[in-house]
Protein backbone atom coordinates (compact mmCIF):
# COMPACT_ATOMS: atom_id res chain seq x y z
CA MET A 1 -6.21 -20.06 -4.42
CA LYS A 2 -9.05 -22.41 -3.47
CA PHE A 3 -10.59 -22.92 -0.07
CA GLY A 4 -9.62 -26.30 1.39
CA ILE A 5 -6.72 -26.86 -1.05
CA SER A 6 -3.20 -26.60 0.35
CA PHE A 7 -0.52 -24.27 -0.98
CA LYS A 8 2.88 -23.06 0.15
CA PRO A 9 2.90 -19.73 1.98
CA MET A 10 4.88 -16.58 1.32
CA LEU A 11 8.29 -16.73 3.02
CA LEU A 12 10.56 -14.09 4.50
CA GLU A 13 14.06 -12.89 3.77
CA GLU A 14 16.42 -12.27 6.69
CA VAL A 15 18.45 -9.21 7.69
CA ASP A 16 20.89 -8.82 10.56
CA THR A 17 19.88 -5.53 12.12
CA PRO A 18 16.56 -3.81 12.96
CA PHE A 19 15.57 -0.55 11.29
CA ASN A 20 12.91 2.16 11.37
CA SER A 21 10.77 3.00 8.34
CA ASN A 22 7.41 4.59 7.60
CA LEU A 23 6.91 1.98 4.88
CA TYR A 24 6.90 -0.98 7.29
CA LEU A 25 4.92 -2.39 10.16
CA TYR A 26 6.65 -4.47 12.82
CA GLU A 27 5.48 -7.63 14.61
CA LEU A 28 6.90 -10.00 17.19
CA LYS A 29 8.35 -13.16 15.66
CA TYR A 30 6.74 -16.08 17.46
CA ASP A 31 8.78 -19.25 17.81
CA GLY A 32 6.31 -21.78 16.50
CA GLN A 33 5.18 -23.86 13.53
CA ARG A 34 4.10 -21.96 10.42
CA ALA A 35 0.59 -22.97 9.44
CA ILE A 36 -2.17 -22.06 7.01
CA ILE A 37 -5.70 -22.56 8.38
CA HIS A 38 -8.74 -22.97 6.12
CA VAL A 39 -11.73 -22.41 8.37
CA SER A 40 -15.48 -21.86 8.23
CA PRO A 41 -18.24 -22.41 10.82
CA ASN A 42 -18.39 -26.05 9.72
CA ILE A 43 -14.87 -27.07 8.77
CA ILE A 44 -11.22 -26.49 9.63
CA LYS A 45 -8.15 -27.73 7.81
CA ILE A 46 -4.65 -26.95 9.05
CA PHE A 47 -1.71 -27.24 6.67
CA SER A 48 2.01 -26.99 7.39
CA ARG A 49 4.24 -24.69 5.31
CA ASN A 50 4.95 -27.72 3.09
CA GLY A 51 1.27 -28.32 2.44
CA ILE A 52 0.89 -31.32 4.77
CA ASN A 53 -2.46 -31.68 6.51
CA ILE A 54 -1.73 -31.51 10.26
CA THR A 55 -5.28 -30.88 11.47
CA TYR A 56 -5.35 -34.08 13.56
CA LEU A 57 -2.32 -33.00 15.62
CA TYR A 58 -4.11 -30.06 17.22
CA PRO A 59 -7.72 -30.99 18.10
CA GLU A 60 -8.05 -27.97 20.41
CA LEU A 61 -7.83 -25.66 17.38
CA GLN A 62 -11.25 -26.94 16.28
CA ASN A 63 -12.51 -24.19 18.63
CA ILE A 64 -11.53 -21.58 16.02
CA LYS A 65 -14.61 -22.57 13.98
CA LYS A 66 -16.79 -20.97 16.67
CA ILE A 67 -15.49 -17.45 15.96
CA ILE A 68 -15.59 -17.61 12.14
CA LYS A 69 -18.72 -16.48 10.30
CA ARG A 70 -17.73 -17.48 6.72
CA LYS A 71 -14.99 -19.19 4.70
CA MET A 72 -11.57 -17.75 5.52
CA ILE A 73 -7.91 -18.69 5.04
CA LEU A 74 -5.53 -17.45 7.72
CA ASP A 75 -1.74 -17.44 7.83
CA GLY A 76 0.13 -17.61 11.12
CA GLU A 77 2.08 -19.65 13.65
CA ILE A 78 1.01 -22.49 15.91
CA VAL A 79 2.61 -21.62 19.24
CA LEU A 80 2.90 -23.43 22.55
CA PHE A 81 3.39 -21.06 25.48
CA TYR A 82 5.24 -22.32 28.54
CA GLN A 83 5.92 -20.08 31.53
CA GLY A 84 4.75 -17.10 29.52
CA LYS A 85 7.00 -17.59 26.49
CA PRO A 86 6.80 -19.59 23.25
CA ASN A 87 8.52 -22.93 23.74
CA PHE A 88 9.58 -24.57 20.49
CA THR A 89 11.02 -27.66 22.17
CA LYS A 90 7.69 -28.56 23.77
CA LEU A 91 5.89 -27.77 20.50
CA GLN A 92 8.18 -30.20 18.69
CA GLU A 93 7.31 -32.84 21.25
CA ARG A 94 3.66 -32.35 20.32
CA SER A 95 4.15 -32.15 16.56
CA HIS A 96 6.09 -35.43 16.48
CA THR A 97 3.39 -37.32 18.39
CA LYS A 98 1.25 -39.63 16.26
CA ASN A 99 -0.54 -41.58 19.01
CA ILE A 100 -4.15 -40.38 19.19
CA HIS A 101 -4.33 -40.84 22.99
CA LYS A 102 -1.20 -38.73 23.49
CA ILE A 103 -2.51 -36.11 21.06
CA ASN A 104 -5.72 -35.79 23.07
CA TYR A 105 -3.75 -35.68 26.32
CA TYR A 106 -1.55 -32.86 25.02
CA ALA A 107 -4.57 -30.96 23.73
CA GLN A 108 -5.91 -30.88 27.29
CA ASN A 109 -2.67 -30.45 29.23
CA MET A 110 -0.27 -28.73 26.81
CA PRO A 111 -2.57 -26.78 24.47
CA VAL A 112 -1.37 -24.65 21.57
CA CYS A 113 -2.85 -21.49 20.10
CA PHE A 114 -2.84 -20.07 16.59
CA MET A 115 -1.19 -16.67 16.27
CA GLY A 116 -2.78 -15.23 13.12
CA PHE A 117 -0.86 -12.53 11.26
CA ASP A 118 -2.57 -12.46 7.85
CA CYS A 119 -5.89 -13.13 6.14
CA LEU A 120 -5.66 -14.47 2.59
CA TYR A 121 -9.23 -15.45 1.83
CA ASP A 122 -12.53 -13.91 2.92
CA GLU A 123 -15.19 -15.70 0.85
CA LEU A 124 -12.80 -15.03 -2.03
CA ASP A 125 -9.07 -14.64 -2.66
CA ILE A 126 -7.80 -11.34 -1.19
CA THR A 127 -4.06 -11.81 -1.73
CA ASN A 128 -4.18 -8.96 -4.26
CA LYS A 129 -5.06 -6.52 -1.46
CA THR A 130 -2.32 -4.70 0.46
CA LEU A 131 -1.11 -6.00 3.80
CA LEU A 132 -2.85 -3.19 5.70
CA GLU A 133 -6.14 -3.96 3.95
CA ARG A 134 -5.80 -7.65 4.83
CA LYS A 135 -4.95 -6.74 8.43
CA LYS A 136 -8.20 -4.76 8.72
CA ILE A 137 -10.15 -7.88 7.73
CA LEU A 138 -8.12 -10.05 10.14
CA ASN A 139 -8.77 -7.62 12.99
CA LYS A 140 -12.52 -8.28 12.77
CA ILE A 141 -11.94 -11.76 14.23
CA LYS A 142 -12.08 -11.77 18.03
CA ASP A 143 -9.33 -13.28 20.16
CA THR A 144 -10.00 -16.43 22.21
CA ASP A 145 -7.96 -18.95 24.20
CA TYR A 146 -6.99 -20.66 20.93
CA PHE A 147 -6.77 -17.76 18.50
CA PHE A 148 -4.83 -14.52 18.87
CA LYS A 149 -4.17 -11.82 16.33
CA VAL A 150 -0.53 -10.80 16.11
CA ASN A 151 -0.28 -7.14 17.08
CA PHE A 152 1.95 -4.73 15.21
CA ILE A 153 3.42 -1.26 15.54
CA MET A 154 4.28 1.25 12.84
CA LYS A 155 7.70 2.80 12.13
CA GLU A 156 9.49 1.83 15.39
CA GLY A 157 11.39 -1.36 14.47
CA LYS A 158 14.45 -0.60 16.60
CA LYS A 159 12.34 0.10 19.67
CA LEU A 160 10.46 -3.20 19.33
CA PHE A 161 13.67 -5.17 18.78
CA ALA A 162 15.21 -3.63 21.92
CA LYS A 163 12.23 -4.90 23.93
CA VAL A 164 12.56 -8.33 22.34
CA LYS A 165 16.21 -8.57 23.37
CA LYS A 166 15.37 -7.51 26.90
CA ILE A 167 12.60 -10.10 27.27
CA GLY A 168 14.50 -12.83 25.39
CA LEU A 169 12.05 -13.54 22.55
CA GLU A 170 12.96 -14.91 19.11
CA GLY A 171 12.99 -11.67 17.12
CA ILE A 172 10.80 -9.37 15.05
CA VAL A 173 9.33 -9.27 11.54
CA ALA A 174 9.22 -6.17 9.34
CA LYS A 175 6.61 -6.08 6.56
CA ARG A 176 5.95 -3.45 3.91
CA ILE A 177 2.48 -2.08 4.51
CA ASP A 178 1.72 -2.04 0.77
CA SER A 179 2.93 -5.60 0.12
CA LEU A 180 0.73 -8.12 -1.68
CA TYR A 181 0.73 -11.80 -0.70
CA ILE A 182 2.61 -13.97 -3.20
CA ILE A 183 2.01 -17.71 -2.77
CA ASN A 184 5.00 -20.08 -2.85
CA SER A 185 7.50 -17.23 -2.98
CA ARG A 186 10.19 -15.73 -0.78
CA SER A 187 9.92 -11.95 -0.72
CA ASP A 188 12.08 -9.14 0.63
CA ASN A 189 8.86 -7.26 1.36
CA TRP A 190 8.80 -9.36 4.53
CA LEU A 191 11.98 -9.40 6.63
CA LYS A 192 12.84 -11.31 9.78
CA ILE A 193 15.39 -10.03 12.29
CA LYS A 194 16.37 -12.72 14.79
CA ASN A 195 17.49 -12.12 18.34
CA LEU A 196 20.61 -14.27 18.18
CA LYS A 197 23.03 -15.31 20.90
CA ASP A 198 26.79 -15.57 20.30
CA GLY A 199 29.39 -18.04 21.51
CA THR A 200 32.82 -19.48 20.82
CA PHE A 201 33.00 -23.25 20.21
CA TYR A 202 35.69 -25.82 19.53
CA ILE A 203 35.89 -27.70 16.24
CA GLY A 204 36.05 -31.42 16.99
CA GLY A 205 35.73 -32.67 13.42
CA TYR A 206 34.52 -31.95 9.92
CA LEU A 207 32.91 -33.47 6.86
CA ASN A 208 33.91 -32.25 3.40
CA LYS A 209 31.08 -31.60 0.97
CA GLN A 210 31.16 -30.37 -2.64
CA HIS A 211 31.08 -26.62 -2.02
CA MET A 212 31.01 -26.42 1.78
CA ILE A 213 32.49 -28.06 4.83
CA CYS A 214 30.38 -29.18 7.78
CA LEU A 215 31.96 -28.40 11.15
CA TYR A 216 31.24 -30.55 14.21
CA LEU A 217 31.15 -28.20 17.20
CA GLY A 218 31.73 -28.81 20.87
CA GLU A 219 32.27 -27.16 24.23
CA PHE A 220 34.33 -28.28 27.21
CA ARG A 221 32.67 -29.18 30.49
CA ASN A 222 34.77 -30.78 33.24
CA ASN A 223 37.65 -31.18 30.73
CA LEU A 224 35.47 -33.24 28.38
CA LEU A 225 34.31 -32.08 24.92
CA TYR A 226 30.55 -32.30 24.50
CA PHE A 227 28.93 -32.16 21.05
CA VAL A 228 26.63 -29.15 20.56
CA GLY A 229 25.81 -29.27 16.85
CA LYS A 230 26.97 -28.71 13.27
CA VAL A 231 27.42 -25.62 11.12
CA MET A 232 28.31 -25.09 7.45
CA LEU A 233 31.46 -23.21 6.41
CA GLY A 234 32.37 -21.95 2.94
CA LYS A 235 35.61 -23.31 1.52
CA LYS A 236 36.82 -19.80 0.72
CA GLN A 237 36.97 -18.97 4.42
CA GLY A 238 40.50 -18.81 5.86
CA LEU A 239 39.55 -21.26 8.59
CA TYR A 240 38.99 -23.98 5.99
CA LYS A 241 42.72 -24.34 5.19
CA LYS A 242 43.64 -24.38 8.87
CA ILE A 243 41.21 -27.23 9.50
CA LEU A 244 42.64 -29.34 6.67
CA LYS A 245 46.13 -29.01 8.18
CA GLU A 246 45.00 -30.68 11.39
CA LYS A 247 45.84 -34.37 11.81
CA ILE A 248 42.83 -36.67 11.62
CA ARG A 249 42.18 -38.74 14.75
CA LYS A 250 41.24 -42.40 14.76
CA THR A 251 38.62 -41.92 17.48
CA THR A 252 35.92 -39.37 18.18
CA SER A 253 36.85 -36.06 19.78
CA PHE A 254 33.59 -35.94 21.74
CA CYS A 255 32.71 -37.77 24.93
CA ASP A 256 29.05 -38.11 23.95
CA TYR A 257 28.91 -38.26 20.15
CA GLU A 258 30.20 -40.34 17.25
CA ASP A 259 29.59 -40.17 13.50
CA LEU A 260 31.38 -42.67 11.26
CA GLU A 261 31.52 -40.14 8.40
CA CYS A 262 33.22 -37.43 10.45
CA ASN A 263 36.92 -36.62 10.17
CA TYR A 264 37.80 -36.06 13.82
CA ILE A 265 40.56 -33.66 14.80
CA ASN A 266 41.99 -32.51 18.10
CA PRO A 267 39.80 -29.67 19.41
CA VAL A 268 42.30 -26.82 19.26
CA LEU A 269 40.66 -24.58 16.67
CA THR A 270 37.66 -22.42 17.59
CA CYS A 271 35.04 -20.43 15.73
CA GLU A 272 32.42 -17.86 16.65
CA ILE A 273 28.80 -18.94 16.19
CA SER A 274 25.48 -17.14 16.43
CA TYR A 275 22.48 -19.24 17.40
CA LEU A 276 18.87 -18.83 18.38
CA GLU A 277 18.79 -20.85 21.59
CA ARG A 278 19.81 -24.13 23.24
CA THR A 279 17.59 -27.18 22.90
CA LYS A 280 16.57 -29.36 25.82
CA SER A 281 19.61 -31.56 25.10
CA ASN A 282 21.87 -28.46 25.07
CA LYS A 283 22.36 -28.40 21.29
CA LEU A 284 22.59 -25.15 19.32
CA ARG A 285 19.41 -24.25 17.45
CA HIS A 286 19.88 -22.58 14.05
CA PRO A 287 23.66 -22.08 14.36
CA ILE A 288 25.30 -19.60 11.95
CA PHE A 289 29.05 -19.35 11.35
CA ARG A 290 30.40 -15.86 12.05
CA LYS A 291 34.20 -16.14 12.06
């Protein structure tokens, strides 16, 4: 690892249910944009999880330089809070803006903050230290309007997840306290548990792929089928054969959506879907097929 040179961060595995363990610490999962920040008193570079330099998108984060005494590399999430909660839709609006005047406007009127949850470099590479050791170094940095350390609790994963469900946040993260940081790797030493919502949706069409089938989902409002998103289904699922038996329509099943590649069918079959939230346009975010 070299200061100022991008790399891909350590990624998490996912589990369905929260758990308690003395071997783990537990953090809130903030709904934001994963970012690695290389920062010193004189320079800051912000990289996305894919190694793209996104420093110019968030000029307000230049303020982080003021609280750093030496060269450090921090891992965390860029988060935009709206009405007291992380708002991914508004963050996307910012991250897709390329106009410098709009970027500066957003920095003043819709600012983000960096939620730091790990320190990877402190004048030298410290990824070979345990998570708890790295957390101690991270905790020496003071919080400001633009930088917050992600707090954690020990042992009580179920208790934290219950609070997350009550408040309506994205989920929690469980991390082994003795875990090392492995660049460009997905590790089961870090686990995310999402606070998912469930719903039943109609299948208005499908697209056959090599090993999977893509379902086009909808919901009825005022007797009209509105498109809400797509989800992948394995061909070994029993629902797959039922879908293929349905007669293909010549026109779209949806009142507000059309895709020339889609095989439209009458919306009589349903499936149960878990999803994170609804977008501003009422689409399902991160839908997962359940049954």
